[in-house]
Amino acid sequence: MKGKCKIELEKEKRDEMVADIRSYFLNERGEEIGQLASGFILDFIIDKLAPEFYNQGVMDSHKYMGERVEDMLSLMK
């Protein structure tokens, strides 16, 4: 991304994601991790991984829209 924009989550969504991380560790790895550790994992994902997913979404949207514009040109008389 051009400027480093921090992804901001609503408190309810963040709490839900932290709970999902805790649940994943418990169910998939048999490990209990606390709220704080789950929050740190979420922060890592947001800071280091989410920008790549975001950028991929932008690129996919750009490609899709470019293809639609090409389709529109075929409508010319």
N, C-alpha and C. Protein backbone atom coordinates (compact mmCIF):
# COMPACT_ATOMS: atom_id res chain seq x y z
N MET A 1 0.85 -1.17 0.00
CA MET A 1 0.00 0.00 0.00
C MET A 1 0.90 1.23 0.00
N LYS A 2 0.40 2.29 -0.59
CA LYS A 2 1.23 3.48 -0.68
C LYS A 2 1.58 3.99 0.70
N GLY A 3 0.64 4.55 1.42
CA GLY A 3 0.88 4.99 2.79
C GLY A 3 0.53 3.85 3.72
N LYS A 4 1.32 3.68 4.76
CA LYS A 4 1.03 2.61 5.72
C LYS A 4 -0.23 2.98 6.48
N CYS A 5 -1.34 2.40 6.12
CA CYS A 5 -2.60 2.65 6.81
C CYS A 5 -2.86 1.49 7.75
N LYS A 6 -3.09 1.80 8.98
CA LYS A 6 -3.39 0.77 9.98
C LYS A 6 -4.84 0.34 9.79
N ILE A 7 -5.05 -0.94 9.73
CA ILE A 7 -6.40 -1.47 9.63
C ILE A 7 -7.04 -1.36 11.00
N GLU A 8 -8.15 -0.66 11.06
CA GLU A 8 -8.87 -0.47 12.31
C GLU A 8 -10.09 -1.38 12.32
N LEU A 9 -10.28 -2.06 13.42
CA LEU A 9 -11.44 -2.94 13.59
C LEU A 9 -12.35 -2.39 14.67
N GLU A 10 -13.64 -2.61 14.51
CA GLU A 10 -14.57 -2.29 15.58
C GLU A 10 -14.28 -3.24 16.74
N LYS A 11 -14.52 -2.77 17.95
CA LYS A 11 -14.20 -3.57 19.15
C LYS A 11 -14.87 -4.93 19.11
N GLU A 12 -16.12 -4.97 18.70
CA GLU A 12 -16.86 -6.25 18.66
C GLU A 12 -16.21 -7.22 17.68
N LYS A 13 -15.80 -6.71 16.51
CA LYS A 13 -15.16 -7.56 15.50
C LYS A 13 -13.81 -8.05 15.99
N ARG A 14 -13.04 -7.15 16.62
CA ARG A 14 -11.74 -7.54 17.16
C ARG A 14 -11.90 -8.61 18.24
N ASP A 15 -12.85 -8.42 19.14
CA ASP A 15 -13.11 -9.41 20.19
C ASP A 15 -13.48 -10.76 19.59
N GLU A 16 -14.28 -10.73 18.53
CA GLU A 16 -14.68 -11.96 17.85
C GLU A 16 -13.47 -12.66 17.23
N MET A 17 -12.58 -11.89 16.62
CA MET A 17 -11.39 -12.46 16.00
C MET A 17 -10.44 -13.03 17.04
N VAL A 18 -10.28 -12.33 18.15
CA VAL A 18 -9.44 -12.83 19.24
C VAL A 18 -10.01 -14.15 19.76
N ALA A 19 -11.32 -14.22 19.91
CA ALA A 19 -11.97 -15.46 20.36
C ALA A 19 -11.76 -16.58 19.34
N ASP A 20 -11.82 -16.24 18.05
CA ASP A 20 -11.58 -17.24 17.00
C ASP A 20 -10.15 -17.78 17.07
N ILE A 21 -9.20 -16.91 17.33
CA ILE A 21 -7.79 -17.34 17.44
C ILE A 21 -7.64 -18.27 18.64
N ARG A 22 -8.23 -17.90 19.77
CA ARG A 22 -8.16 -18.74 20.97
C ARG A 22 -8.79 -20.10 20.70
N SER A 23 -9.93 -20.09 20.03
CA SER A 23 -10.64 -21.33 19.70
C SER A 23 -9.80 -22.20 18.76
N TYR A 24 -9.17 -21.58 17.77
CA TYR A 24 -8.32 -22.33 16.84
C TYR A 24 -7.20 -23.03 17.60
N PHE A 25 -6.50 -22.31 18.45
CA PHE A 25 -5.39 -22.91 19.18
C PHE A 25 -5.87 -24.05 20.07
N LEU A 26 -7.02 -23.89 20.68
CA LEU A 26 -7.54 -24.94 21.56
C LEU A 26 -7.98 -26.16 20.75
N ASN A 27 -8.74 -25.93 19.70
CA ASN A 27 -9.31 -27.05 18.94
C ASN A 27 -8.32 -27.73 18.00
N GLU A 28 -7.43 -26.98 17.41
CA GLU A 28 -6.52 -27.54 16.42
C GLU A 28 -5.17 -27.94 16.99
N ARG A 29 -4.75 -27.27 18.05
CA ARG A 29 -3.42 -27.53 18.59
C ARG A 29 -3.44 -28.04 20.03
N GLY A 30 -4.62 -28.03 20.64
CA GLY A 30 -4.73 -28.48 22.01
C GLY A 30 -4.04 -27.55 23.00
N GLU A 31 -3.89 -26.29 22.62
CA GLU A 31 -3.20 -25.31 23.46
C GLU A 31 -4.19 -24.23 23.89
N GLU A 32 -4.12 -23.89 25.15
CA GLU A 32 -4.91 -22.76 25.63
C GLU A 32 -4.03 -21.53 25.65
N ILE A 33 -4.45 -20.50 24.93
CA ILE A 33 -3.71 -19.24 24.99
C ILE A 33 -4.66 -18.16 25.49
N GLY A 34 -4.10 -17.18 26.11
CA GLY A 34 -4.91 -16.14 26.72
C GLY A 34 -5.35 -15.07 25.74
N GLN A 35 -6.16 -14.18 26.26
CA GLN A 35 -6.69 -13.05 25.51
C GLN A 35 -5.55 -12.16 24.99
N LEU A 36 -4.57 -11.91 25.86
CA LEU A 36 -3.47 -11.03 25.49
C LEU A 36 -2.64 -11.63 24.35
N ALA A 37 -2.29 -12.90 24.47
CA ALA A 37 -1.52 -13.58 23.42
C ALA A 37 -2.30 -13.61 22.11
N SER A 38 -3.59 -13.87 22.19
CA SER A 38 -4.43 -13.88 20.99
C SER A 38 -4.47 -12.51 20.35
N GLY A 39 -4.53 -11.47 21.17
CA GLY A 39 -4.52 -10.11 20.65
C GLY A 39 -3.22 -9.78 19.94
N PHE A 40 -2.10 -10.26 20.50
CA PHE A 40 -0.80 -10.04 19.85
C PHE A 40 -0.72 -10.76 18.51
N ILE A 41 -1.27 -11.97 18.45
CA ILE A 41 -1.29 -12.71 17.18
C ILE A 41 -2.13 -11.95 16.16
N LEU A 42 -3.28 -11.45 16.58
CA LEU A 42 -4.13 -10.69 15.68
C LEU A 42 -3.42 -9.43 15.20
N ASP A 43 -2.73 -8.74 16.10
CA ASP A 43 -1.98 -7.55 15.70
C ASP A 43 -0.91 -7.89 14.66
N PHE A 44 -0.23 -9.02 14.85
CA PHE A 44 0.77 -9.46 13.88
C PHE A 44 0.13 -9.70 12.52
N ILE A 45 -1.00 -10.39 12.52
CA ILE A 45 -1.70 -10.68 11.26
C ILE A 45 -2.10 -9.38 10.57
N ILE A 46 -2.65 -8.45 11.34
CA ILE A 46 -3.08 -7.17 10.76
C ILE A 46 -1.89 -6.39 10.21
N ASP A 47 -0.80 -6.34 10.96
CA ASP A 47 0.35 -5.54 10.56
C ASP A 47 1.15 -6.16 9.43
N LYS A 48 1.35 -7.46 9.46
CA LYS A 48 2.27 -8.11 8.52
C LYS A 48 1.60 -8.86 7.38
N LEU A 49 0.44 -9.45 7.61
CA LEU A 49 -0.17 -10.31 6.60
C LEU A 49 -1.34 -9.66 5.87
N ALA A 50 -2.18 -8.94 6.60
CA ALA A 50 -3.38 -8.36 6.01
C ALA A 50 -3.10 -7.45 4.82
N PRO A 51 -2.03 -6.63 4.85
CA PRO A 51 -1.77 -5.78 3.68
C PRO A 51 -1.59 -6.58 2.38
N GLU A 52 -1.01 -7.76 2.47
CA GLU A 52 -0.84 -8.59 1.27
C GLU A 52 -2.18 -9.08 0.75
N PHE A 53 -3.07 -9.49 1.66
CA PHE A 53 -4.42 -9.91 1.25
C PHE A 53 -5.18 -8.74 0.64
N TYR A 54 -5.06 -7.58 1.25
CA TYR A 54 -5.71 -6.37 0.75
C TYR A 54 -5.21 -6.05 -0.66
N ASN A 55 -3.89 -6.04 -0.81
CA ASN A 55 -3.30 -5.73 -2.12
C ASN A 55 -3.75 -6.74 -3.18
N GLN A 56 -3.84 -8.00 -2.81
CA GLN A 56 -4.30 -9.01 -3.76
C GLN A 56 -5.74 -8.74 -4.16
N GLY A 57 -6.57 -8.34 -3.21
CA GLY A 57 -7.95 -7.99 -3.52
C GLY A 57 -8.04 -6.80 -4.46
N VAL A 58 -7.19 -5.80 -4.26
CA VAL A 58 -7.15 -4.64 -5.16
C VAL A 58 -6.73 -5.08 -6.56
N MET A 59 -5.70 -5.91 -6.65
CA MET A 59 -5.24 -6.38 -7.96
C MET A 59 -6.31 -7.21 -8.67
N ASP A 60 -6.97 -8.10 -7.91
CA ASP A 60 -8.04 -8.91 -8.50
C ASP A 60 -9.19 -8.03 -9.00
N SER A 61 -9.54 -7.01 -8.22
CA SER A 61 -10.61 -6.08 -8.62
C SER A 61 -10.20 -5.30 -9.86
N HIS A 62 -8.95 -4.87 -9.91
CA HIS A 62 -8.44 -4.14 -11.07
C HIS A 62 -8.52 -5.00 -12.32
N LYS A 63 -8.10 -6.23 -12.21
CA LYS A 63 -8.15 -7.15 -13.36
C LYS A 63 -9.59 -7.36 -13.81
N TYR A 64 -10.48 -7.60 -12.85
CA TYR A 64 -11.89 -7.84 -13.16
C TYR A 64 -12.50 -6.64 -13.87
N MET A 65 -12.26 -5.44 -13.32
CA MET A 65 -12.84 -4.24 -13.91
C MET A 65 -12.24 -3.98 -15.30
N GLY A 66 -10.96 -4.26 -15.46
CA GLY A 66 -10.34 -4.10 -16.77
C GLY A 66 -10.99 -5.00 -17.80
N GLU A 67 -11.29 -6.23 -17.41
CA GLU A 67 -11.96 -7.17 -18.33
C GLU A 67 -13.36 -6.68 -18.66
N ARG A 68 -14.06 -6.09 -17.71
CA ARG A 68 -15.41 -5.58 -17.96
C ARG A 68 -15.37 -4.39 -18.90
N VAL A 69 -14.35 -3.53 -18.76
CA VAL A 69 -14.21 -2.39 -19.65
C VAL A 69 -13.96 -2.88 -21.07
N GLU A 70 -13.14 -3.90 -21.22
CA GLU A 70 -12.90 -4.48 -22.55
C GLU A 70 -14.21 -5.00 -23.13
N ASP A 71 -15.03 -5.64 -22.30
CA ASP A 71 -16.33 -6.14 -22.75
C ASP A 71 -17.20 -4.99 -23.25
N MET A 72 -17.13 -3.85 -22.58
CA MET A 72 -17.93 -2.69 -22.98
C MET A 72 -17.50 -2.19 -24.35
N LEU A 73 -16.21 -2.24 -24.63
CA LEU A 73 -15.75 -1.78 -25.94
C LEU A 73 -16.33 -2.61 -27.08
N SER A 74 -16.66 -3.86 -26.82
CA SER A 74 -17.24 -4.71 -27.86
C SER A 74 -18.65 -4.27 -28.22
N LEU A 75 -19.26 -3.41 -27.42
CA LEU A 75 -20.62 -2.94 -27.69
C LEU A 75 -20.65 -1.79 -28.69
N MET A 76 -19.47 -1.29 -29.05
CA MET A 76 -19.43 -0.15 -29.96
C MET A 76 -20.02 -0.54 -31.31
N LYS A 77 -20.71 0.42 -31.93
CA LYS A 77 -21.36 0.20 -33.24
C LYS A 77 -20.44 0.64 -34.35
